[in-house]
C-alpha atoms as a PDB file:
ATOM      1  CA  MET A   1       0.267   0.095   0.198  1.00  0.00           C
ATOM      2  CA  LEU A   2       1.694   3.133  -0.971  1.00  0.00           C
ATOM      3  CA  PRO A   3       0.403   6.498   0.455  1.00  0.00           C
ATOM      4  CA  ALA A   4      -1.431   8.951  -1.496  1.00  0.00           C
ATOM      5  CA  TRP A   5      -0.281  11.735   0.234  1.00  0.00           C
ATOM      6  CA  GLU A   6       2.970  12.796   2.847  1.00  0.00           C
ATOM      7  CA  TYR A   7       3.401  14.447   5.950  1.00  0.00           C
ATOM      8  CA  GLY A   8       3.062  17.978   5.212  1.00  0.00           C
ATOM      9  CA  ASP A   9       0.816  17.252   2.142  1.00  0.00           C
ATOM     10  CA  ALA A  10      -2.397  19.691   2.114  1.00  0.00           C
ATOM     11  CA  VAL A  11      -5.848  17.917   1.381  1.00  0.00           C
ATOM     12  CA  ARG A  12      -9.369  18.594   1.450  1.00  0.00           C
ATOM     13  CA  VAL A  13     -11.833  16.390   2.906  1.00  0.00           C
ATOM     14  CA  THR A  14     -14.815  15.792   0.720  1.00  0.00           C
ATOM     15  CA  ARG A  15     -17.546  15.264   3.518  1.00  0.00           C
ATOM     16  CA  ASN A  16     -18.599  16.153   6.748  1.00  0.00           C
ATOM     17  CA  VAL A  17     -16.271  14.046   9.517  1.00  0.00           C
ATOM     18  CA  ARG A  18     -18.599  13.402  12.524  1.00  0.00           C
ATOM     19  CA  ASN A  19     -17.722  11.672  15.503  1.00  0.00           C
ATOM     20  CA  ASP A  20     -17.940   7.570  15.454  1.00  0.00           C
ATOM     21  CA  GLY A  21     -17.204   7.445  19.144  1.00  0.00           C
ATOM     22  CA  THR A  22     -13.485   7.643  18.941  1.00  0.00           C
ATOM     23  CA  PHE A  23     -12.941  11.253  19.392  1.00  0.00           C
ATOM     24  CA  PRO A  24     -12.539  12.307  23.047  1.00  0.00           C
ATOM     25  CA  GLY A  25     -14.739  15.139  24.747  1.00  0.00           C
ATOM     26  CA  ILE A  26     -17.265  15.306  21.982  1.00  0.00           C
ATOM     27  CA  ALA A  27     -20.842  13.280  21.301  1.00  0.00           C
ATOM     28  CA  THR A  28     -21.117  10.448  18.829  1.00  0.00           C
ATOM     29  CA  GLY A  29     -22.515  11.704  15.713  1.00  0.00           C
ATOM     30  CA  ASP A  30     -21.543  15.689  16.366  1.00  0.00           C
ATOM     31  CA  LEU A  31     -19.599  17.280  13.295  1.00  0.00           C
ATOM     32  CA  LEU A  32     -16.112  17.659  13.690  1.00  0.00           C
ATOM     33  CA  VAL A  33     -14.891  19.017  10.265  1.00  0.00           C
ATOM     34  CA  LYS A  34     -17.025  20.322   7.843  1.00  0.00           C
ATOM     35  CA  ARG A  35     -16.846  19.256   4.185  1.00  0.00           C
ATOM     36  CA  GLY A  36     -14.390  21.360   1.893  1.00  0.00           C
ATOM     37  CA  SER A  37     -12.154  22.274   5.006  1.00  0.00           C
ATOM     38  CA  VAL A  38      -8.377  22.089   4.130  1.00  0.00           C
ATOM     39  CA  GLY A  39      -5.769  20.566   6.323  1.00  0.00           C
ATOM     40  CA  HIS A  40      -2.354  18.788   6.617  1.00  0.00           C
ATOM     41  CA  VAL A  41      -1.356  15.386   6.773  1.00  0.00           C
ATOM     42  CA  VAL A  42       0.522  14.769   9.912  1.00  0.00           C
ATOM     43  CA  ASN A  43       0.820  10.999  10.511  1.00  0.00           C
ATOM     44  CA  ILE A  44      -0.141   7.864   8.289  1.00  0.00           C
ATOM     45  CA  GLY A  45      -1.406   4.726   9.970  1.00  0.00           C
ATOM     46  CA  THR A  46      -3.106   1.676   9.057  1.00  0.00           C
ATOM     47  CA  PHE A  47      -6.577   0.107   9.919  1.00  0.00           C
ATOM     48  CA  LEU A  48      -7.351  -3.402   9.665  1.00  0.00           C
ATOM     49  CA  VAL A  49      -4.098  -4.187   7.950  1.00  0.00           C
ATOM     50  CA  ASP A  50      -5.512  -3.083   4.530  1.00  0.00           C
ATOM     51  CA  GLN A  51      -6.883   0.615   4.912  1.00  0.00           C
ATOM     52  CA  LEU A  52      -4.797   3.542   5.073  1.00  0.00           C
ATOM     53  CA  ILE A  53      -5.672   6.268   7.681  1.00  0.00           C
ATOM     54  CA  TYR A  54      -4.320   9.672   7.269  1.00  0.00           C
ATOM     55  CA  SER A  55      -4.266  11.823  10.588  1.00  0.00           C
ATOM     56  CA  VAL A  56      -5.055  15.447   9.304  1.00  0.00           C
ATOM     57  CA  ARG A  57      -4.825  18.604  10.888  1.00  0.00           C
ATOM     58  CA  PHE A  58      -7.535  21.185  10.216  1.00  0.00           C
ATOM     59  CA  LEU A  59      -6.289  24.039  11.640  1.00  0.00           C
ATOM     60  CA  ASP A  60      -9.950  26.450  11.425  1.00  0.00           C
ATOM     61  CA  ALA A  61     -11.317  23.262  13.477  1.00  0.00           C
ATOM     62  CA  GLN A  62      -8.409  22.862  15.635  1.00  0.00           C
ATOM     63  CA  ARG A  63      -8.600  19.265  15.552  1.00  0.00           C
ATOM     64  CA  VAL A  64      -6.730  16.179  14.233  1.00  0.00           C
ATOM     65  CA  VAL A  65      -8.980  13.808  12.614  1.00  0.00           C
ATOM     66  CA  GLY A  66      -8.384  10.320  10.997  1.00  0.00           C
ATOM     67  CA  CYS A  67      -9.836  10.201   7.495  1.00  0.00           C
ATOM     68  CA  ARG A  68      -9.850   7.450   4.735  1.00  0.00           C
ATOM     69  CA  VAL A  69      -8.565   7.968   1.488  1.00  0.00           C
ATOM     70  CA  GLU A  70     -11.679   8.189  -0.240  1.00  0.00           C
ATOM     71  CA  GLU A  71     -12.521  10.878   1.948  1.00  0.00           C
ATOM     72  CA  LEU A  72      -9.777  13.123   0.745  1.00  0.00           C
ATOM     73  CA  ILE A  73      -8.447  14.895  -2.259  1.00  0.00           C
ATOM     74  CA  GLY A  74      -5.233  17.169  -2.757  1.00  0.00           C
ATOM     75  CA  ALA A  75      -6.043  20.610  -1.476  1.00  0.00           C
ATOM     76  CA  ASP A  76      -5.270  22.256  -5.236  1.00  0.00           C
ATOM     77  CA  GLU A  77      -7.863  19.669  -6.913  1.00  0.00           C
ATOM     78  CA  ALA A  78     -10.966  21.069  -7.990  1.00  0.00           C
ATOM     79  CA  TRP A  79     -13.359  21.619  -5.346  1.00  0.00           C
ATOM     80  CA  LEU A  80     -17.102  21.675  -6.332  1.00  0.00           C
ATOM     81  CA  PRO A  81     -19.375  21.608  -3.052  1.00  0.00           C
ATOM     82  CA  SER A  82     -22.479  20.092  -3.068  1.00  0.00           C
ATOM     83  CA  ARG A  83     -25.684  20.630  -1.335  1.00  0.00           C
ATOM     84  CA  PHE A  84     -26.139  17.171   0.235  1.00  0.00           C
ATOM     85  CA  GLU A  85     -23.945  14.415   1.622  1.00  0.00           C
ATOM     86  CA  ALA A  86     -23.971  10.889   1.735  1.00  0.00           C
ATOM     87  CA  ARG A  87     -26.635   9.633   4.380  1.00  0.00           C
ATOM     88  CA  ASP A  88     -29.016  12.793   3.998  1.00  0.00           C
ATOM     89  CA  ARG A  89     -32.462  12.444   3.727  1.00  0.00           C
ATOM     90  CA  VAL A  90     -33.757  14.266   0.882  1.00  0.00           C
ATOM     91  CA  THR A  91     -37.158  14.499  -1.117  1.00  0.00           C
ATOM     92  CA  ALA A  92     -37.446  14.472  -5.056  1.00  0.00           C
ATOM     93  CA  ALA A  93     -38.365  17.941  -5.899  1.00  0.00           C
ATOM     94  CA  LYS A  94     -40.049  16.695  -9.297  1.00  0.00           C
ATOM     95  CA  ALA A  95     -41.047  14.048 -10.859  1.00  0.00           C
ATOM     96  CA  LEU A  96     -38.194  11.293 -12.117  1.00  0.00           C
ATOM     97  CA  ARG A  97     -39.925   9.464 -15.154  1.00  0.00           C
ATOM     98  CA  THR A  98     -38.788   8.158 -18.459  1.00  0.00           C
ATOM     99  CA  GLN A  99     -40.840   8.940 -21.367  1.00  0.00           C
ATOM    100  CA  GLU A 100     -43.265   5.904 -20.407  1.00  0.00           C
ATOM    101  CA  GLU A 101     -43.129   5.416 -16.588  1.00  0.00           C
ATOM    102  CA  LEU A 102     -43.145   7.703 -13.764  1.00  0.00           C
ATOM    103  CA  LEU A 103     -40.637   6.107 -11.509  1.00  0.00           C
ATOM    104  CA  VAL A 104     -40.446   8.532  -8.469  1.00  0.00           C
ATOM    105  CA  PRO A 105     -43.107  11.189  -7.676  1.00  0.00           C
ATOM    106  CA  PRO A 106     -42.464  14.803  -6.589  1.00  0.00           C
ATOM    107  CA  GLY A 107     -42.034  14.664  -2.571  1.00  0.00           C
ATOM    108  CA  ALA A 108     -40.964  11.027  -2.545  1.00  0.00           C
ATOM    109  CA  VAL A 109     -38.441  10.863   0.132  1.00  0.00           C
ATOM    110  CA  GLY A 110     -34.921   8.917  -0.350  1.00  0.00           C
ATOM    111  CA  GLU A 111     -31.530   8.861   1.252  1.00  0.00           C
ATOM    112  CA  VAL A 112     -28.108   9.849  -0.527  1.00  0.00           C
ATOM    113  CA  LEU A 113     -25.990   6.899  -0.974  1.00  0.00           C
ATOM    114  CA  ARG A 114     -23.037   8.785  -2.601  1.00  0.00           C
ATOM    115  CA  VAL A 115     -22.291  12.184  -4.125  1.00  0.00           C
ATOM    116  CA  LEU A 116     -20.674  12.237  -7.799  1.00  0.00           C
ATOM    117  CA  ARG A 117     -18.346  15.199  -8.755  1.00  0.00           C
ATOM    118  CA  ASP A 118     -17.674  14.457 -12.250  1.00  0.00           C
ATOM    119  CA  ASP A 119     -16.809  17.193 -14.966  1.00  0.00           C
ATOM    120  CA  GLY A 120     -18.007  20.156 -12.671  1.00  0.00           C
ATOM    121  CA  VAL A 121     -21.533  18.381 -12.450  1.00  0.00           C
ATOM    122  CA  ILE A 122     -22.651  17.220  -9.172  1.00  0.00           C
ATOM    123  CA  THR A 123     -24.878  13.962  -9.235  1.00  0.00           C
ATOM    124  CA  TYR A 124     -26.582  11.739  -6.425  1.00  0.00           C
ATOM    125  CA  HIS A 125     -27.050   8.180  -6.015  1.00  0.00           C
ATOM    126  CA  VAL A 126     -30.217   8.247  -4.196  1.00  0.00           C
ATOM    127  CA  HIS A 127     -32.562   5.422  -3.112  1.00  0.00           C
ATOM    128  CA  PHE A 128     -35.889   6.356  -2.821  1.00  0.00           C
ATOM    129  CA  GLU A 129     -38.464   4.423  -0.320  1.00  0.00           C
ATOM    130  CA  ALA A 130     -41.051   4.824  -3.036  1.00  0.00           C
ATOM    131  CA  ARG A 131     -38.961   2.080  -4.975  1.00  0.00           C
ATOM    132  CA  PRO A 132     -37.396  -0.379  -3.016  1.00  0.00           C
ATOM    133  CA  GLY A 133     -34.139  -1.910  -4.004  1.00  0.00           C
ATOM    134  CA  ARG A 134     -33.327   0.728  -6.658  1.00  0.00           C
ATOM    135  CA  VAL A 135     -31.064   3.401  -7.036  1.00  0.00           C
ATOM    136  CA  PHE A 136     -31.228   6.417  -9.031  1.00  0.00           C
ATOM    137  CA  ALA A 137     -28.524   9.053 -10.167  1.00  0.00           C
ATOM    138  CA  VAL A 138     -30.224  12.187  -9.524  1.00  0.00           C
ATOM    139  CA  PRO A 139     -28.920  15.687 -10.290  1.00  0.00           C
ATOM    140  CA  GLU A 140     -28.883  18.297  -7.641  1.00  0.00           C
ATOM    141  CA  ALA A 141     -31.531  20.307  -8.996  1.00  0.00           C
ATOM    142  CA  ALA A 142     -34.164  17.669  -8.738  1.00  0.00           C
ATOM    143  CA  LEU A 143     -33.711  17.282  -5.139  1.00  0.00           C
ATOM    144  CA  GLY A 144     -34.957  19.207  -2.031  1.00  0.00           C
ATOM    145  CA  ALA A 145     -34.015  19.196   1.592  1.00  0.00           C
ATOM    146  CA  LEU A 146     -36.031  16.912   3.533  1.00  0.00           C
ATOM    147  CA  GLY A 147     -37.214  19.316   6.622  1.00  0.00           C
ATOM    148  CA  GLU A 148     -37.603  18.439  10.363  1.00  0.00           C
ATOM    149  CA  ALA A 149     -41.641  18.327   9.981  1.00  0.00           C
ATOM    150  CA  ASP A 150     -40.863  16.096   6.838  1.00  0.00           C
ATOM    151  CA  GLU A 151     -38.287  13.874   8.459  1.00  0.00           C
ATOM    152  CA  ARG A 152     -40.913  13.549  11.583  1.00  0.00           C
ATOM    153  CA  ASP A 153     -43.506  12.352   9.012  1.00  0.00           C
ATOM    154  CA  ALA A 154     -41.597  10.074   7.192  1.00  0.00           C
ATOM    155  CA  ARG A 155     -40.794   8.155  10.516  1.00  0.00           C
ATOM    156  CA  LEU A 156     -44.559   7.779  11.350  1.00  0.00           C
END
């Protein structure tokens, strides 16, 4: 395993990093570092023998956080901020359809599985409850945020 970055390299975190219970003094689930933040690699370790973990110092957040390679890009690489991230609950802002069939009705609740940043365009892999077992590639403009009231209703 060769590291993608070395000590001192500037990197950007591509998703919000939350406490998984291993960061002392902060509640599990609380935000540690906001996506798009830039930090510097201060250490490189391994997890389960086959995964590199980069300890990154984020000066703005005044924290050193462990990040996996898929959570980082070089600080000088193009960064396209996204409205949503993996595990966010969203709604379909408009009907998703083929020419013949309504696939997802407007207002359907879904969960973002992955954020894709290709060629300056953000697309999301989303699983909608209205279509169990199917994953859709959805442009950002076709999604809306699931509000707190909507979230409560969705759980009922």
